[in-house]
Amino acid sequence: IVYTKSPTGDFPYGIIKQSKVNKEVIVSPLYAVLRPQTSHLGYILDSYFESKINVSNYLHSIIQKGAKNTINITNSTFLSKSLKFPVDFSEQEKIANFLSSLDKKIELVNSQIDKTKEFKKGLLQQMFL
């Protein structure tokens, strides 16, 4: 899990995402990098923190903003709050697989929407030749 400690768009306290990189990399100290117990739990956390409301609710009470809107938070402070997620590994796997299947469905529907828009664009271009 990577936490960007800088305000970005709709996320005034930063962004929390699961890294999709599958190799060793160098990361700036401006980012907190944390390893969940399982990759499935990482996927669940990534999905949970897609919501700006969830990020805000989690970070609001533990963030201290410094000069120039910088965010001051240690990794231990970041981990000081708790969230209720399943601890059973098989349950985590089932939830992560379900969320993943929803993400794939959303991706497929978005792809169909993009193709339909291109088709419409082509039809309109042919109408006015």
Protein backbone atom coordinates (compact mmCIF):
# COMPACT_ATOMS: atom_id res chain seq x y z
CA ILE A 1 0.00 0.00 0.00
CA VAL A 2 1.40 3.37 -1.01
CA TYR A 3 0.25 6.55 0.68
CA THR A 4 1.08 9.80 -1.09
CA LYS A 5 1.48 12.46 1.57
CA SER A 6 0.41 15.37 -0.61
CA PRO A 7 -2.97 16.90 -1.41
CA THR A 8 -4.21 15.90 -4.85
CA GLY A 9 -7.48 16.99 -6.48
CA ASP A 10 -10.43 15.57 -4.55
CA PHE A 11 -8.09 14.02 -1.96
CA PRO A 12 -6.93 16.85 0.34
CA TYR A 13 -5.09 14.41 2.64
CA GLY A 14 -3.38 12.40 -0.11
CA ILE A 15 -4.09 9.15 -1.92
CA ILE A 16 -3.88 5.57 -0.64
CA LYS A 17 -3.42 2.92 -3.36
CA GLN A 18 -2.14 -0.60 -3.76
CA SER A 19 1.06 -0.73 -5.77
CA LYS A 20 0.74 -2.79 -8.95
CA VAL A 21 4.52 -2.91 -9.41
CA ASN A 22 5.83 -6.41 -8.92
CA LYS A 23 9.54 -5.65 -8.40
CA GLU A 24 11.88 -3.79 -6.08
CA VAL A 25 11.86 -0.03 -6.68
CA ILE A 26 13.17 3.13 -5.06
CA VAL A 27 10.44 5.30 -3.56
CA SER A 28 10.64 8.89 -2.40
CA PRO A 29 10.42 9.44 1.37
CA LEU A 30 7.35 11.56 0.60
CA TYR A 31 5.47 8.27 0.22
CA ALA A 32 4.63 5.78 2.94
CA VAL A 33 5.00 2.21 1.69
CA LEU A 34 3.32 -0.47 3.79
CA ARG A 35 2.89 -4.19 3.21
CA PRO A 36 -0.48 -5.77 4.11
CA GLN A 37 -0.56 -9.36 5.37
CA THR A 38 -1.95 -10.61 2.06
CA SER A 39 -2.30 -9.28 -1.48
CA HIS A 40 -6.05 -9.86 -1.15
CA LEU A 41 -6.19 -7.52 1.83
CA GLY A 42 -4.19 -5.01 -0.22
CA TYR A 43 -6.81 -5.21 -2.98
CA ILE A 44 -9.62 -4.69 -0.47
CA LEU A 45 -7.81 -1.67 1.02
CA ASP A 46 -7.19 -0.26 -2.46
CA SER A 47 -10.89 -0.59 -3.28
CA TYR A 48 -11.92 0.89 0.07
CA PHE A 49 -9.66 3.91 -0.34
CA GLU A 50 -10.88 4.67 -3.88
CA SER A 51 -13.55 6.69 -2.09
CA LYS A 52 -12.45 10.21 -1.18
CA ILE A 53 -14.87 10.06 1.76
CA ASN A 54 -13.20 6.92 3.16
CA VAL A 55 -9.74 8.47 2.76
CA SER A 56 -10.90 11.69 4.42
CA ASN A 57 -12.62 9.87 7.30
CA TYR A 58 -9.54 7.75 7.95
CA LEU A 59 -6.94 10.53 7.74
CA HIS A 60 -8.77 13.65 8.95
CA SER A 61 -8.19 13.15 12.67
CA ILE A 62 -4.53 12.08 12.38
CA ILE A 63 -3.21 14.52 9.77
CA GLN A 64 -1.31 17.64 10.68
CA LYS A 65 -0.89 20.11 7.85
CA GLY A 66 2.25 22.19 7.90
CA ALA A 67 3.35 25.31 6.09
CA LYS A 68 2.53 25.43 2.38
CA ASN A 69 -0.20 22.78 2.86
CA THR A 70 2.33 19.98 3.44
CA ILE A 71 1.11 16.90 5.29
CA ASN A 72 3.06 15.80 8.35
CA ILE A 73 2.38 12.21 9.37
CA THR A 74 4.60 9.31 10.39
CA ASN A 75 4.04 5.72 9.32
CA SER A 76 3.22 4.76 12.90
CA THR A 77 0.60 7.53 13.11
CA PHE A 78 -0.81 6.40 9.76
CA LEU A 79 -1.17 2.87 11.14
CA SER A 80 -2.55 4.03 14.51
CA LYS A 81 -6.18 3.93 13.38
CA SER A 82 -8.05 0.72 12.79
CA LEU A 83 -10.48 -0.47 10.16
CA LYS A 84 -12.72 -3.49 10.40
CA PHE A 85 -11.81 -5.97 7.69
CA PRO A 86 -12.00 -9.76 7.74
CA VAL A 87 -8.97 -11.46 9.26
CA ASP A 88 -9.74 -14.87 7.76
CA PHE A 89 -7.53 -15.28 4.67
CA SER A 90 -10.11 -17.26 2.70
CA GLU A 91 -12.74 -14.59 3.36
CA GLN A 92 -10.29 -11.88 2.24
CA GLU A 93 -9.66 -13.86 -0.94
CA LYS A 94 -13.38 -14.22 -1.69
CA ILE A 95 -14.00 -10.49 -1.18
CA ALA A 96 -10.96 -9.50 -3.26
CA ASN A 97 -12.00 -11.86 -6.07
CA PHE A 98 -15.52 -10.42 -6.01
CA LEU A 99 -14.21 -6.83 -6.14
CA SER A 100 -11.83 -7.81 -8.92
CA SER A 101 -14.65 -9.31 -10.98
CA LEU A 102 -16.63 -6.08 -10.53
CA ASP A 103 -13.61 -4.05 -11.66
CA LYS A 104 -13.26 -6.25 -14.76
CA LYS A 105 -16.98 -5.81 -15.53
CA ILE A 106 -16.67 -2.03 -15.16
CA GLU A 107 -13.63 -2.07 -17.45
CA LEU A 108 -15.55 -4.08 -20.06
CA VAL A 109 -18.57 -1.76 -19.93
CA ASN A 110 -16.31 1.31 -20.22
CA SER A 111 -14.63 -0.27 -23.23
CA GLN A 112 -18.03 -0.90 -24.83
CA ILE A 113 -19.02 2.73 -24.16
CA ASP A 114 -15.81 3.97 -25.81
CA LYS A 115 -16.37 1.74 -28.86
CA THR A 116 -19.98 2.92 -29.15
CA LYS A 117 -18.84 6.56 -29.00
CA GLU A 118 -16.34 5.89 -31.80
CA PHE A 119 -19.07 4.18 -33.84
CA LYS A 120 -21.36 7.18 -33.35
CA LYS A 121 -18.55 9.54 -34.33
CA GLY A 122 -17.98 7.52 -37.52
CA LEU A 123 -21.68 7.59 -38.38
CA LEU A 124 -21.83 11.37 -37.88
CA GLN A 125 -18.78 11.89 -40.08
CA GLN A 126 -20.39 9.85 -42.88
CA MET A 127 -23.63 11.83 -42.60
CA PHE A 128 -21.95 15.12 -43.37
CA LEU A 129 -19.58 14.15 -46.19
